[in-house]
All heavy atoms as atom14 arrays in JSON, in Angstrom:
{
  "sequence": "SRGMPWGVVTNKSSRFTDPLTRMMPLFASAGAIVSGDTTPHA",
  "atom14_mask": [
    [1, 1, 1, 1, 1, 1, 0, 0, 0, 0, 0, 0, 0, 0],
    [1, 1, 1, 1, 1, 1, 1, 1, 1, 1, 1, 0, 0, 0],
    [1, 1, 1, 1, 0, 0, 0, 0, 0, 0, 0, 0, 0, 0],
    [1, 1, 1, 1, 1, 1, 1, 1, 0, 0, 0, 0, 0, 0],
    [1, 1, 1, 1, 1, 1, 1, 0, 0, 0, 0, 0, 0, 0],
    [1, 1, 1, 1, 1, 1, 1, 1, 1, 1, 1, 1, 1, 1],
    [1, 1, 1, 1, 0, 0, 0, 0, 0, 0, 0, 0, 0, 0],
    [1, 1, 1, 1, 1, 1, 1, 0, 0, 0, 0, 0, 0, 0],
    [1, 1, 1, 1, 1, 1, 1, 0, 0, 0, 0, 0, 0, 0],
    [1, 1, 1, 1, 1, 1, 1, 0, 0, 0, 0, 0, 0, 0],
    [1, 1, 1, 1, 1, 1, 1, 1, 0, 0, 0, 0, 0, 0],
    [1, 1, 1, 1, 1, 1, 1, 1, 1, 0, 0, 0, 0, 0],
    [1, 1, 1, 1, 1, 1, 0, 0, 0, 0, 0, 0, 0, 0],
    [1, 1, 1, 1, 1, 1, 0, 0, 0, 0, 0, 0, 0, 0],
    [1, 1, 1, 1, 1, 1, 1, 1, 1, 1, 1, 0, 0, 0],
    [1, 1, 1, 1, 1, 1, 1, 1, 1, 1, 1, 0, 0, 0],
    [1, 1, 1, 1, 1, 1, 1, 0, 0, 0, 0, 0, 0, 0],
    [1, 1, 1, 1, 1, 1, 1, 1, 0, 0, 0, 0, 0, 0],
    [1, 1, 1, 1, 1, 1, 1, 0, 0, 0, 0, 0, 0, 0],
    [1, 1, 1, 1, 1, 1, 1, 1, 0, 0, 0, 0, 0, 0],
    [1, 1, 1, 1, 1, 1, 1, 0, 0, 0, 0, 0, 0, 0],
    [1, 1, 1, 1, 1, 1, 1, 1, 1, 1, 1, 0, 0, 0],
    [1, 1, 1, 1, 1, 1, 1, 1, 0, 0, 0, 0, 0, 0],
    [1, 1, 1, 1, 1, 1, 1, 1, 0, 0, 0, 0, 0, 0],
    [1, 1, 1, 1, 1, 1, 1, 0, 0, 0, 0, 0, 0, 0],
    [1, 1, 1, 1, 1, 1, 1, 1, 0, 0, 0, 0, 0, 0],
    [1, 1, 1, 1, 1, 1, 1, 1, 1, 1, 1, 0, 0, 0],
    [1, 1, 1, 1, 1, 0, 0, 0, 0, 0, 0, 0, 0, 0],
    [1, 1, 1, 1, 1, 1, 0, 0, 0, 0, 0, 0, 0, 0],
    [1, 1, 1, 1, 1, 0, 0, 0, 0, 0, 0, 0, 0, 0],
    [1, 1, 1, 1, 0, 0, 0, 0, 0, 0, 0, 0, 0, 0],
    [1, 1, 1, 1, 1, 0, 0, 0, 0, 0, 0, 0, 0, 0],
    [1, 1, 1, 1, 1, 1, 1, 1, 0, 0, 0, 0, 0, 0],
    [1, 1, 1, 1, 1, 1, 1, 0, 0, 0, 0, 0, 0, 0],
    [1, 1, 1, 1, 1, 1, 0, 0, 0, 0, 0, 0, 0, 0],
    [1, 1, 1, 1, 0, 0, 0, 0, 0, 0, 0, 0, 0, 0],
    [1, 1, 1, 1, 1, 1, 1, 1, 0, 0, 0, 0, 0, 0],
    [1, 1, 1, 1, 1, 1, 1, 0, 0, 0, 0, 0, 0, 0],
    [1, 1, 1, 1, 1, 1, 1, 0, 0, 0, 0, 0, 0, 0],
    [1, 1, 1, 1, 1, 1, 1, 0, 0, 0, 0, 0, 0, 0],
    [1, 1, 1, 1, 1, 1, 1, 1, 1, 1, 0, 0, 0, 0],
    [1, 1, 1, 1, 1, 0, 0, 0, 0, 0, 0, 0, 0, 0]
  ],
  "atom14_positions": [
    [[0.82, -1.21, 0.0], [0.0, 0.0, 0.0], [0.85, 1.26, 0.0], [0.4, 2.32, -0.42], [-0.93, 0.01, 1.22], [-0.21, 0.23, 2.42], [0.0, 0.0, 0.0], [0.0, 0.0, 0.0], [0.0, 0.0, 0.0], [0.0, 0.0, 0.0], [0.0, 0.0, 0.0], [0.0, 0.0, 0.0], [0.0, 0.0, 0.0], [0.0, 0.0, 0.0]],
    [[2.1, 1.13, 0.44], [3.04, 2.25, 0.44], [3.84, 2.29, -0.86], [4.69, 3.17, -1.03], [4.01, 2.11, 1.6], [3.37, 2.07, 2.98], [4.36, 1.62, 4.03], [3.73, 1.52, 5.35], [4.29, 1.95, 6.47], [5.48, 2.49, 6.46], [3.66, 1.83, 7.61], [0.0, 0.0, 0.0], [0.0, 0.0, 0.0], [0.0, 0.0, 0.0]],
    [[3.6, 1.32, -1.72], [4.37, 1.26, -2.95], [5.78, 0.77, -2.73], [6.68, 1.03, -3.53], [0.0, 0.0, 0.0], [0.0, 0.0, 0.0], [0.0, 0.0, 0.0], [0.0, 0.0, 0.0], [0.0, 0.0, 0.0], [0.0, 0.0, 0.0], [0.0, 0.0, 0.0], [0.0, 0.0, 0.0], [0.0, 0.0, 0.0], [0.0, 0.0, 0.0]],
    [[5.99, 0.02, -1.63], [7.33, -0.46, -1.28], [7.47, -1.92, -1.71], [6.76, -2.79, -1.21], [7.56, -0.33, 0.23], [8.97, -0.7, 0.66], [9.25, -0.37, 2.43], [9.27, 1.44, 2.44], [0.0, 0.0, 0.0], [0.0, 0.0, 0.0], [0.0, 0.0, 0.0], [0.0, 0.0, 0.0], [0.0, 0.0, 0.0], [0.0, 0.0, 0.0]],
    [[8.35, -2.2, -2.66], [8.53, -3.58, -3.1], [9.19, -4.44, -2.03], [9.84, -3.95, -1.11], [9.44, -3.44, -4.33], [10.16, -2.16, -4.13], [9.21, -1.26, -3.39], [0.0, 0.0, 0.0], [0.0, 0.0, 0.0], [0.0, 0.0, 0.0], [0.0, 0.0, 0.0], [0.0, 0.0, 0.0], [0.0, 0.0, 0.0], [0.0, 0.0, 0.0]],
    [[9.01, -5.75, -2.19], [9.57, -6.69, -1.23], [10.05, -7.94, -1.98], [9.67, -8.18, -3.12], [8.55, -7.07, -0.16], [7.42, -7.92, -0.67], [6.35, -7.53, -1.42], [7.26, -9.33, -0.47], [5.53, -8.59, -1.69], [6.06, -9.72, -1.13], [7.99, -10.31, 0.21], [5.59, -11.02, -1.13], [7.53, -11.61, 0.21], [6.34, -11.95, -0.45]],
    [[10.91, -8.69, -1.31], [11.44, -9.89, -1.94], [11.93, -10.88, -0.91], [11.89, -10.62, 0.3], [0.0, 0.0, 0.0], [0.0, 0.0, 0.0], [0.0, 0.0, 0.0], [0.0, 0.0, 0.0], [0.0, 0.0, 0.0], [0.0, 0.0, 0.0], [0.0, 0.0, 0.0], [0.0, 0.0, 0.0], [0.0, 0.0, 0.0], [0.0, 0.0, 0.0]],
    [[12.38, -12.02, -1.4], [12.81, -13.13, -0.55], [14.23, -13.53, -0.93], [14.54, -13.67, -2.11], [11.88, -14.35, -0.71], [12.41, -15.54, 0.08], [10.46, -14.0, -0.3], [0.0, 0.0, 0.0], [0.0, 0.0, 0.0], [0.0, 0.0, 0.0], [0.0, 0.0, 0.0], [0.0, 0.0, 0.0], [0.0, 0.0, 0.0], [0.0, 0.0, 0.0]],
    [[15.08, -13.7, 0.07], [16.42, -14.26, -0.13], [16.6, -15.37, 0.89], [16.64, -15.13, 2.1], [17.52, -13.2, 0.05], [18.89, -13.83, -0.18], [17.31, -12.04, -0.92], [0.0, 0.0, 0.0], [0.0, 0.0, 0.0], [0.0, 0.0, 0.0], [0.0, 0.0, 0.0], [0.0, 0.0, 0.0], [0.0, 0.0, 0.0], [0.0, 0.0, 0.0]],
    [[16.66, -16.6, 0.4], [16.72, -17.77, 1.27], [17.87, -18.68, 0.87], [18.31, -18.67, -0.28], [15.39, -18.56, 1.19], [15.5, -19.77, 1.95], [15.05, -18.94, -0.25], [0.0, 0.0, 0.0], [0.0, 0.0, 0.0], [0.0, 0.0, 0.0], [0.0, 0.0, 0.0], [0.0, 0.0, 0.0], [0.0, 0.0, 0.0], [0.0, 0.0, 0.0]],
    [[18.35, -19.47, 1.81], [19.34, -20.49, 1.48], [18.68, -21.79, 1.05], [19.37, -22.75, 0.7], [20.27, -20.74, 2.68], [21.48, -19.82, 2.67], [21.58, -18.94, 1.83], [22.38, -20.02, 3.61], [0.0, 0.0, 0.0], [0.0, 0.0, 0.0], [0.0, 0.0, 0.0], [0.0, 0.0, 0.0], [0.0, 0.0, 0.0], [0.0, 0.0, 0.0]],
    [[17.38, -21.84, 1.08], [16.65, -23.01, 0.62], [16.93, -23.21, -0.87], [16.91, -22.26, -1.65], [15.16, -22.78, 0.84], [14.28, -24.0, 0.99], [12.85, -23.57, 1.18], [11.97, -24.67, 1.74], [12.15, -24.79, 3.2], [0.0, 0.0, 0.0], [0.0, 0.0, 0.0], [0.0, 0.0, 0.0], [0.0, 0.0, 0.0], [0.0, 0.0, 0.0]],
    [[17.17, -24.44, -1.28], [17.42, -24.73, -2.69], [16.19, -24.4, -3.54], [15.05, -24.55, -3.09], [17.79, -26.2, -2.84], [17.75, -26.59, -4.2], [0.0, 0.0, 0.0], [0.0, 0.0, 0.0], [0.0, 0.0, 0.0], [0.0, 0.0, 0.0], [0.0, 0.0, 0.0], [0.0, 0.0, 0.0], [0.0, 0.0, 0.0], [0.0, 0.0, 0.0]],
    [[16.42, -23.98, -4.78], [15.32, -23.68, -5.68], [14.45, -24.92, -5.93], [13.28, -24.79, -6.3], [15.84, -23.14, -7.01], [16.74, -24.05, -7.61], [0.0, 0.0, 0.0], [0.0, 0.0, 0.0], [0.0, 0.0, 0.0], [0.0, 0.0, 0.0], [0.0, 0.0, 0.0], [0.0, 0.0, 0.0], [0.0, 0.0, 0.0], [0.0, 0.0, 0.0]],
    [[15.01, -26.09, -5.71], [14.25, -27.35, -5.82], [13.03, -27.31, -4.92], [11.99, -27.89, -5.24], [15.16, -28.52, -5.43], [14.48, -29.87, -5.28], [15.51, -30.94, -4.9], [14.9, -32.22, -4.64], [15.6, -33.32, -4.28], [16.91, -33.25, -4.17], [14.97, -34.45, -4.05], [0.0, 0.0, 0.0], [0.0, 0.0, 0.0], [0.0, 0.0, 0.0]],
    [[13.14, -26.6, -3.8], [12.04, -26.5, -2.85], [11.42, -25.1, -2.85], [10.2, -24.97, -2.73], [12.54, -26.84, -1.44], [13.31, -28.13, -1.39], [14.68, -28.13, -1.17], [12.68, -29.34, -1.61], [15.4, -29.3, -1.15], [13.39, -30.53, -1.59], [14.75, -30.51, -1.37], [0.0, 0.0, 0.0], [0.0, 0.0, 0.0], [0.0, 0.0, 0.0]],
    [[12.25, -24.08, -2.98], [11.73, -22.7, -2.94], [10.71, -22.46, -4.04], [9.64, -21.88, -3.8], [12.87, -21.69, -3.09], [13.86, -21.92, -2.09], [12.34, -20.27, -2.95], [0.0, 0.0, 0.0], [0.0, 0.0, 0.0], [0.0, 0.0, 0.0], [0.0, 0.0, 0.0], [0.0, 0.0, 0.0], [0.0, 0.0, 0.0], [0.0, 0.0, 0.0]],
    [[11.03, -22.87, -5.26], [10.15, -22.56, -6.39], [8.77, -23.18, -6.25], [7.75, -22.46, -6.33], [10.81, -22.98, -7.7], [12.04, -22.14, -8.02], [12.24, -21.1, -7.37], [12.8, -22.52, -8.95], [0.0, 0.0, 0.0], [0.0, 0.0, 0.0], [0.0, 0.0, 0.0], [0.0, 0.0, 0.0], [0.0, 0.0, 0.0], [0.0, 0.0, 0.0]],
    [[8.65, -24.5, -6.02], [7.29, -25.05, -5.88], [6.57, -24.56, -4.64], [5.36, -24.33, -4.67], [7.52, -26.57, -5.84], [8.96, -26.75, -5.47], [9.67, -25.57, -6.02], [0.0, 0.0, 0.0], [0.0, 0.0, 0.0], [0.0, 0.0, 0.0], [0.0, 0.0, 0.0], [0.0, 0.0, 0.0], [0.0, 0.0, 0.0], [0.0, 0.0, 0.0]],
    [[7.3, -24.37, -3.55], [6.66, -23.92, -2.31], [6.06, -22.53, -2.49], [4.91, -22.29, -2.12], [7.67, -23.93, -1.16], [7.12, -23.67, 0.24], [7.96, -24.39, 1.28], [7.09, -22.18, 0.56], [0.0, 0.0, 0.0], [0.0, 0.0, 0.0], [0.0, 0.0, 0.0], [0.0, 0.0, 0.0], [0.0, 0.0, 0.0], [0.0, 0.0, 0.0]],
    [[6.83, -21.6, -3.06], [6.32, -20.23, -3.22], [5.22, -20.16, -4.27], [4.34, -19.3, -4.2], [7.45, -19.25, -3.56], [8.17, -19.71, -4.71], [8.42, -19.11, -2.4], [0.0, 0.0, 0.0], [0.0, 0.0, 0.0], [0.0, 0.0, 0.0], [0.0, 0.0, 0.0], [0.0, 0.0, 0.0], [0.0, 0.0, 0.0], [0.0, 0.0, 0.0]],
    [[5.24, -21.09, -5.25], [4.14, -21.12, -6.23], [2.85, -21.59, -5.57], [1.75, -21.19, -5.97], [4.49, -22.03, -7.4], [5.45, -21.42, -8.4], [5.44, -22.2, -9.71], [5.88, -23.58, -9.53], [7.14, -23.98, -9.72], [8.07, -23.11, -10.05], [7.46, -25.25, -9.54], [0.0, 0.0, 0.0], [0.0, 0.0, 0.0], [0.0, 0.0, 0.0]],
    [[2.98, -22.44, -4.57], [1.78, -22.98, -3.9], [1.18, -22.03, -2.89], [0.05, -22.24, -2.44], [2.13, -24.31, -3.22], [2.32, -25.47, -4.18], [2.52, -27.08, -3.32], [4.23, -26.98, -2.81], [0.0, 0.0, 0.0], [0.0, 0.0, 0.0], [0.0, 0.0, 0.0], [0.0, 0.0, 0.0], [0.0, 0.0, 0.0], [0.0, 0.0, 0.0]],
    [[1.92, -20.98, -2.51], [1.44, -20.05, -1.49], [1.2, -18.69, -2.14], [2.15, -18.02, -2.57], [2.44, -19.96, -0.34], [2.74, -21.33, 0.3], [3.87, -21.27, 1.71], [2.75, -20.76, 3.01], [0.0, 0.0, 0.0], [0.0, 0.0, 0.0], [0.0, 0.0, 0.0], [0.0, 0.0, 0.0], [0.0, 0.0, 0.0], [0.0, 0.0, 0.0]],
    [[-0.06, -18.24, -2.23], [-0.4, -17.0, -2.94], [0.36, -15.77, -2.46], [0.55, -14.82, -3.24], [-1.91, -16.85, -2.68], [-2.39, -18.24, -2.45], [-1.27, -18.94, -1.74], [0.0, 0.0, 0.0], [0.0, 0.0, 0.0], [0.0, 0.0, 0.0], [0.0, 0.0, 0.0], [0.0, 0.0, 0.0], [0.0, 0.0, 0.0], [0.0, 0.0, 0.0]],
    [[0.79, -15.76, -1.21], [1.51, -14.61, -0.66], [2.64, -14.16, -1.58], [2.88, -12.97, -1.75], [2.09, -14.97, 0.71], [3.06, -13.95, 1.33], [2.3, -12.74, 1.83], [3.86, -14.58, 2.48], [0.0, 0.0, 0.0], [0.0, 0.0, 0.0], [0.0, 0.0, 0.0], [0.0, 0.0, 0.0], [0.0, 0.0, 0.0], [0.0, 0.0, 0.0]],
    [[3.33, -15.12, -2.19], [4.58, -14.8, -2.88], [4.39, -14.31, -4.32], [5.36, -13.96, -4.99], [5.5, -16.02, -2.85], [5.89, -16.39, -1.45], [5.22, -17.41, -0.78], [6.87, -15.69, -0.77], [5.55, -17.74, 0.52], [7.21, -16.0, 0.53], [6.54, -17.02, 1.18], [0.0, 0.0, 0.0], [0.0, 0.0, 0.0], [0.0, 0.0, 0.0]],
    [[3.14, -14.25, -4.78], [2.89, -13.78, -6.14], [3.32, -12.33, -6.33], [3.67, -11.91, -7.44], [1.41, -13.94, -6.48], [0.0, 0.0, 0.0], [0.0, 0.0, 0.0], [0.0, 0.0, 0.0], [0.0, 0.0, 0.0], [0.0, 0.0, 0.0], [0.0, 0.0, 0.0], [0.0, 0.0, 0.0], [0.0, 0.0, 0.0], [0.0, 0.0, 0.0]],
    [[3.32, -11.56, -5.25], [3.66, -10.13, -5.36], [5.12, -9.83, -5.06], [5.54, -8.67, -5.09], [2.78, -9.31, -4.41], [3.01, -9.68, -3.05], [0.0, 0.0, 0.0], [0.0, 0.0, 0.0], [0.0, 0.0, 0.0], [0.0, 0.0, 0.0], [0.0, 0.0, 0.0], [0.0, 0.0, 0.0], [0.0, 0.0, 0.0], [0.0, 0.0, 0.0]],
    [[5.91, -10.86, -4.78], [7.33, -10.64, -4.48], [8.08, -10.13, -5.71], [7.92, -10.67, -6.81], [7.98, -11.92, -3.97], [0.0, 0.0, 0.0], [0.0, 0.0, 0.0], [0.0, 0.0, 0.0], [0.0, 0.0, 0.0], [0.0, 0.0, 0.0], [0.0, 0.0, 0.0], [0.0, 0.0, 0.0], [0.0, 0.0, 0.0], [0.0, 0.0, 0.0]],
    [[8.9, -9.11, -5.51], [9.67, -8.55, -6.61], [10.87, -9.38, -6.98], [11.41, -9.24, -8.08], [0.0, 0.0, 0.0], [0.0, 0.0, 0.0], [0.0, 0.0, 0.0], [0.0, 0.0, 0.0], [0.0, 0.0, 0.0], [0.0, 0.0, 0.0], [0.0, 0.0, 0.0], [0.0, 0.0, 0.0], [0.0, 0.0, 0.0], [0.0, 0.0, 0.0]],
    [[11.31, -10.24, -6.07], [12.44, -11.13, -6.33], [12.37, -12.29, -5.34], [12.02, -12.1, -4.18], [13.76, -10.38, -6.17], [0.0, 0.0, 0.0], [0.0, 0.0, 0.0], [0.0, 0.0, 0.0], [0.0, 0.0, 0.0], [0.0, 0.0, 0.0], [0.0, 0.0, 0.0], [0.0, 0.0, 0.0], [0.0, 0.0, 0.0], [0.0, 0.0, 0.0]],
    [[12.69, -13.47, -5.83], [12.82, -14.64, -4.97], [14.15, -15.3, -5.32], [14.3, -15.83, -6.42], [11.66, -15.63, -5.13], [10.33, -14.96, -4.72], [11.91, -16.88, -4.29], [9.11, -15.85, -4.88], [0.0, 0.0, 0.0], [0.0, 0.0, 0.0], [0.0, 0.0, 0.0], [0.0, 0.0, 0.0], [0.0, 0.0, 0.0], [0.0, 0.0, 0.0]],
    [[15.1, -15.2, -4.41], [16.44, -15.71, -4.64], [16.69, -16.88, -3.71], [16.56, -16.75, -2.49], [17.5, -14.6, -4.41], [18.92, -15.16, -4.55], [17.28, -13.45, -5.39], [0.0, 0.0, 0.0], [0.0, 0.0, 0.0], [0.0, 0.0, 0.0], [0.0, 0.0, 0.0], [0.0, 0.0, 0.0], [0.0, 0.0, 0.0], [0.0, 0.0, 0.0]],
    [[17.06, -18.01, -4.29], [17.29, -19.23, -3.51], [18.77, -19.42, -3.2], [19.63, -18.67, -3.7], [16.76, -20.45, -4.27], [15.38, -20.35, -4.5], [0.0, 0.0, 0.0], [0.0, 0.0, 0.0], [0.0, 0.0, 0.0], [0.0, 0.0, 0.0], [0.0, 0.0, 0.0], [0.0, 0.0, 0.0], [0.0, 0.0, 0.0], [0.0, 0.0, 0.0]],
    [[19.06, -20.45, -2.42], [20.44, -20.69, -2.02], [21.35, -21.08, -3.16], [22.57, -20.92, -3.06], [0.0, 0.0, 0.0], [0.0, 0.0, 0.0], [0.0, 0.0, 0.0], [0.0, 0.0, 0.0], [0.0, 0.0, 0.0], [0.0, 0.0, 0.0], [0.0, 0.0, 0.0], [0.0, 0.0, 0.0], [0.0, 0.0, 0.0], [0.0, 0.0, 0.0]],
    [[20.77, -21.57, -4.26], [21.58, -21.96, -5.42], [21.34, -21.06, -6.63], [21.74, -21.39, -7.74], [21.32, -23.42, -5.78], [19.83, -23.72, -6.0], [19.0, -22.82, -5.78], [19.52, -24.86, -6.39], [0.0, 0.0, 0.0], [0.0, 0.0, 0.0], [0.0, 0.0, 0.0], [0.0, 0.0, 0.0], [0.0, 0.0, 0.0], [0.0, 0.0, 0.0]],
    [[20.7, -19.91, -6.42], [20.48, -18.97, -7.52], [21.79, -18.35, -7.98], [22.01, -18.15, -9.18], [19.51, -17.86, -7.09], [18.26, -18.44, -6.71], [19.29, -16.86, -8.21], [0.0, 0.0, 0.0], [0.0, 0.0, 0.0], [0.0, 0.0, 0.0], [0.0, 0.0, 0.0], [0.0, 0.0, 0.0], [0.0, 0.0, 0.0], [0.0, 0.0, 0.0]],
    [[22.68, -18.06, -7.04], [24.0, -17.51, -7.34], [25.05, -18.54, -6.91], [24.73, -19.52, -6.26], [24.23, -16.19, -6.59], [24.45, -16.45, -5.2], [23.04, -15.24, -6.73], [0.0, 0.0, 0.0], [0.0, 0.0, 0.0], [0.0, 0.0, 0.0], [0.0, 0.0, 0.0], [0.0, 0.0, 0.0], [0.0, 0.0, 0.0], [0.0, 0.0, 0.0]],
    [[26.31, -18.31, -7.26], [27.35, -19.26, -6.85], [27.57, -19.33, -5.34], [28.25, -20.24, -4.86], [28.61, -18.73, -7.56], [28.1, -17.92, -8.69], [26.83, -17.31, -8.2], [0.0, 0.0, 0.0], [0.0, 0.0, 0.0], [0.0, 0.0, 0.0], [0.0, 0.0, 0.0], [0.0, 0.0, 0.0], [0.0, 0.0, 0.0], [0.0, 0.0, 0.0]],
    [[27.0, -18.38, -4.61], [27.21, -18.32, -3.18], [25.88, -18.28, -2.44], [24.9, -17.75, -2.93], [28.02, -17.08, -2.79], [29.33, -16.97, -3.49], [30.43, -17.69, -3.12], [29.7, -16.22, -4.56], [31.44, -17.39, -3.91], [31.03, -16.5, -4.8], [0.0, 0.0, 0.0], [0.0, 0.0, 0.0], [0.0, 0.0, 0.0], [0.0, 0.0, 0.0]],
    [[25.87, -18.84, -1.23], [24.71, -18.74, -0.34], [25.08, -17.86, 0.84], [26.25, -17.56, 1.07], [24.29, -20.14, 0.15], [0.0, 0.0, 0.0], [0.0, 0.0, 0.0], [0.0, 0.0, 0.0], [0.0, 0.0, 0.0], [0.0, 0.0, 0.0], [0.0, 0.0, 0.0], [0.0, 0.0, 0.0], [0.0, 0.0, 0.0], [0.0, 0.0, 0.0]]
  ]
}
C-alpha cells in the first residue's frame, strides 16, 4: 500500500523454494525470490 517492493532471499534450494512459493499465494507479489543456489554463493 506504500508502494514499497519486497522480496525473498533464502538459502533453501530452488528445488524447494520454487514449488513452495508457487503454492502459497503470498509470494505472487514478491519482486524477487532468490534461492540458495540462484548464485554461486549462499
